[in-house]
Structures are given as C-alpha cells and as structure tokens.
C-alpha cells in the first residue's frame, strides 16, 4: 500500500471513520472531489455531510493528503490552478 494512502487511512480512523467503513468513505470522498478540481475544504465537508458522513469533518491536512492520494491513483484529475495562479501548459505563452 502507498505510504500516503496508509497515512490517509490512519488519519481518517483517528477522525472516527470505522475500519469497515474506510473504503466507502474514501469512495464518497473521491467521488465528491472528482466533480470539481477546485473544491474547497468547506465544500467537501458539506458534500460529505449530505452524503451521510455528517459525523466526520476533514481538516486541511487530511483534505490535501486525500487529494494528493487520489490524484496519484488517477481517481481525480490534478488541479490546473494552484492558489489562484493558472499553471501554463507546454506551448502556451
């Protein structure tokens, strides 16, 4: 297992996600993130609450760790914008 995914799982368990529910939680989280590459922590917590995960609230570190894991696994696309600055693509002026 990827050490970053392992760390994500440890952090989620520490936040109250049961081991039996980790796969479902991660699936819901990846699904929620996949709709918007620029989703905020507040919005992801709202979407997870609406999805039935109202007792779990992500912090910034766990949110960014999840995003990085999901991008590395190809579950979500990497953000094209970082902190409001558009990344240039090869061949762009």
C-alpha atoms as a PDB file:
ATOM      1  CA  UNK A   1       0.000   0.000   0.000  1.00  0.00           C
ATOM      2  CA  UNK A   2       1.147   3.513  -0.820  1.00  0.00           C
ATOM      3  CA  UNK A   3       2.527   5.127   2.380  1.00  0.00           C
ATOM      4  CA  UNK A   4       0.463   8.265   1.745  1.00  0.00           C
ATOM      5  CA  UNK A   5      -2.731   6.221   1.440  1.00  0.00           C
ATOM      6  CA  UNK A   6      -1.776   4.434   4.645  1.00  0.00           C
ATOM      7  CA  UNK A   7      -1.359   7.812   6.366  1.00  0.00           C
ATOM      8  CA  UNK A   8      -4.737   8.933   4.997  1.00  0.00           C
ATOM      9  CA  UNK A   9      -6.380   5.822   6.423  1.00  0.00           C
ATOM     10  CA  UNK A  10      -4.740   6.381   9.820  1.00  0.00           C
ATOM     11  CA  UNK A  11      -5.937   9.998   9.854  1.00  0.00           C
ATOM     12  CA  UNK A  12      -9.490   9.002   8.891  1.00  0.00           C
ATOM     13  CA  UNK A  13      -9.618   6.347  11.612  1.00  0.00           C
ATOM     14  CA  UNK A  14      -8.381   8.949  14.110  1.00  0.00           C
ATOM     15  CA  UNK A  15     -11.251  11.198  12.978  1.00  0.00           C
ATOM     16  CA  UNK A  16     -13.768   8.448  13.715  1.00  0.00           C
ATOM     17  CA  UNK A  17     -14.166   6.512  10.454  1.00  0.00           C
ATOM     18  CA  UNK A  18     -14.516   2.802  11.301  1.00  0.00           C
ATOM     19  CA  UNK A  19     -12.122   0.449   9.514  1.00  0.00           C
ATOM     20  CA  UNK A  20     -15.114  -1.347   7.973  1.00  0.00           C
ATOM     21  CA  UNK A  21     -16.287   1.983   6.501  1.00  0.00           C
ATOM     22  CA  UNK A  22     -12.929   3.245   5.145  1.00  0.00           C
ATOM     23  CA  UNK A  23     -13.487   2.014   1.580  1.00  0.00           C
ATOM     24  CA  UNK A  24     -16.965   3.567   1.433  1.00  0.00           C
ATOM     25  CA  UNK A  25     -15.773   6.847   2.940  1.00  0.00           C
ATOM     26  CA  UNK A  26     -12.802   7.088   0.560  1.00  0.00           C
ATOM     27  CA  UNK A  27     -15.081   6.277  -2.383  1.00  0.00           C
ATOM     28  CA  UNK A  28     -17.529   9.014  -1.379  1.00  0.00           C
ATOM     29  CA  UNK A  29     -14.688  11.450  -0.826  1.00  0.00           C
ATOM     30  CA  UNK A  30     -13.062  10.716  -4.200  1.00  0.00           C
ATOM     31  CA  UNK A  31     -16.439  10.952  -5.916  1.00  0.00           C
ATOM     32  CA  UNK A  32     -17.146  14.314  -4.282  1.00  0.00           C
ATOM     33  CA  UNK A  33     -13.717  15.650  -5.270  1.00  0.00           C
ATOM     34  CA  UNK A  34     -13.964  14.400  -8.859  1.00  0.00           C
ATOM     35  CA  UNK A  35     -16.724  16.873  -9.771  1.00  0.00           C
ATOM     36  CA  UNK A  36     -14.663  19.980  -9.095  1.00  0.00           C
ATOM     37  CA  UNK A  37     -10.856  20.232  -9.193  1.00  0.00           C
ATOM     38  CA  UNK A  38     -11.064  23.485  -7.228  1.00  0.00           C
ATOM     39  CA  UNK A  39     -13.346  22.267  -4.442  1.00  0.00           C
ATOM     40  CA  UNK A  40     -12.712  23.824  -1.046  1.00  0.00           C
ATOM     41  CA  UNK A  41     -12.420  22.093   2.301  1.00  0.00           C
ATOM     42  CA  UNK A  42     -15.680  23.670   3.429  1.00  0.00           C
ATOM     43  CA  UNK A  43     -17.500  22.439   0.326  1.00  0.00           C
ATOM     44  CA  UNK A  44     -16.103  18.910   0.604  1.00  0.00           C
ATOM     45  CA  UNK A  45     -17.191  18.725   4.252  1.00  0.00           C
ATOM     46  CA  UNK A  46     -20.670  19.921   3.225  1.00  0.00           C
ATOM     47  CA  UNK A  47     -20.910  17.352   0.421  1.00  0.00           C
ATOM     48  CA  UNK A  48     -19.728  14.553   2.701  1.00  0.00           C
ATOM     49  CA  UNK A  49     -22.340  15.568   5.276  1.00  0.00           C
ATOM     50  CA  UNK A  50     -25.070  15.469   2.624  1.00  0.00           C
ATOM     51  CA  UNK A  51     -23.759  12.033   1.565  1.00  0.00           C
ATOM     52  CA  UNK A  52     -24.363  10.706   5.075  1.00  0.00           C
ATOM     53  CA  UNK A  53     -20.940  11.277   6.638  1.00  0.00           C
ATOM     54  CA  UNK A  54     -22.115  14.033   8.982  1.00  0.00           C
ATOM     55  CA  UNK A  55     -20.067  12.836  11.946  1.00  0.00           C
ATOM     56  CA  UNK A  56     -16.705  13.162  10.123  1.00  0.00           C
ATOM     57  CA  UNK A  57     -15.153  16.550   9.379  1.00  0.00           C
ATOM     58  CA  UNK A  58     -11.903  16.768   7.455  1.00  0.00           C
ATOM     59  CA  UNK A  59      -9.133  19.165   8.401  1.00  0.00           C
ATOM     60  CA  UNK A  60      -6.924  20.892   5.835  1.00  0.00           C
ATOM     61  CA  UNK A  61      -4.052  18.403   6.126  1.00  0.00           C
ATOM     62  CA  UNK A  62      -6.304  15.355   5.668  1.00  0.00           C
ATOM     63  CA  UNK A  63      -8.110  17.060   2.773  1.00  0.00           C
ATOM     64  CA  UNK A  64      -4.852  17.808   0.920  1.00  0.00           C
ATOM     65  CA  UNK A  65      -3.479  14.336   1.690  1.00  0.00           C
ATOM     66  CA  UNK A  66      -6.637  12.778   0.233  1.00  0.00           C
ATOM     67  CA  UNK A  67      -6.442  14.983  -2.860  1.00  0.00           C
ATOM     68  CA  UNK A  68      -2.794  14.006  -3.435  1.00  0.00           C
ATOM     69  CA  UNK A  69      -3.533  10.298  -2.966  1.00  0.00           C
ATOM     70  CA  UNK A  70      -6.491  10.415  -5.335  1.00  0.00           C
ATOM     71  CA  UNK A  71      -4.531  12.328  -7.976  1.00  0.00           C
ATOM     72  CA  UNK A  72      -1.661   9.821  -7.753  1.00  0.00           C
ATOM     73  CA  UNK A  73      -4.095   6.913  -8.110  1.00  0.00           C
ATOM     74  CA  UNK A  74      -5.880   8.580 -11.038  1.00  0.00           C
ATOM     75  CA  UNK A  75      -9.170   8.788  -9.130  1.00  0.00           C
ATOM     76  CA  UNK A  76      -9.356  12.544  -9.711  1.00  0.00           C
ATOM     77  CA  UNK A  77      -7.598  14.872 -12.126  1.00  0.00           C
ATOM     78  CA  UNK A  78      -4.825  17.116 -10.891  1.00  0.00           C
ATOM     79  CA  UNK A  79      -5.813  20.721 -10.340  1.00  0.00           C
ATOM     80  CA  UNK A  80      -4.859  23.091 -13.140  1.00  0.00           C
ATOM     81  CA  UNK A  81      -4.896  26.019 -10.747  1.00  0.00           C
ATOM     82  CA  UNK A  82      -2.968  26.321  -7.527  1.00  0.00           C
ATOM     83  CA  UNK A  83      -3.642  29.125  -5.092  1.00  0.00           C
ATOM     84  CA  UNK A  84      -5.294  31.225  -7.793  1.00  0.00           C
ATOM     85  CA  UNK A  85      -2.406  31.070 -10.283  1.00  0.00           C
ATOM     86  CA  UNK A  86      -3.019  29.293 -13.568  1.00  0.00           C
ATOM     87  CA  UNK A  87      -0.312  26.807 -14.479  1.00  0.00           C
ATOM     88  CA  UNK A  88       0.980  27.192 -18.020  1.00  0.00           C
ATOM     89  CA  UNK A  89       0.843  24.206 -20.290  1.00  0.00           C
ATOM     90  CA  UNK A  90       3.651  23.331 -22.625  1.00  0.00           C
ATOM     91  CA  UNK A  91       3.445  25.538 -25.716  1.00  0.00           C
ATOM     92  CA  UNK A  92       1.423  28.303 -24.033  1.00  0.00           C
ATOM     93  CA  UNK A  93       2.740  31.832 -23.970  1.00  0.00           C
END
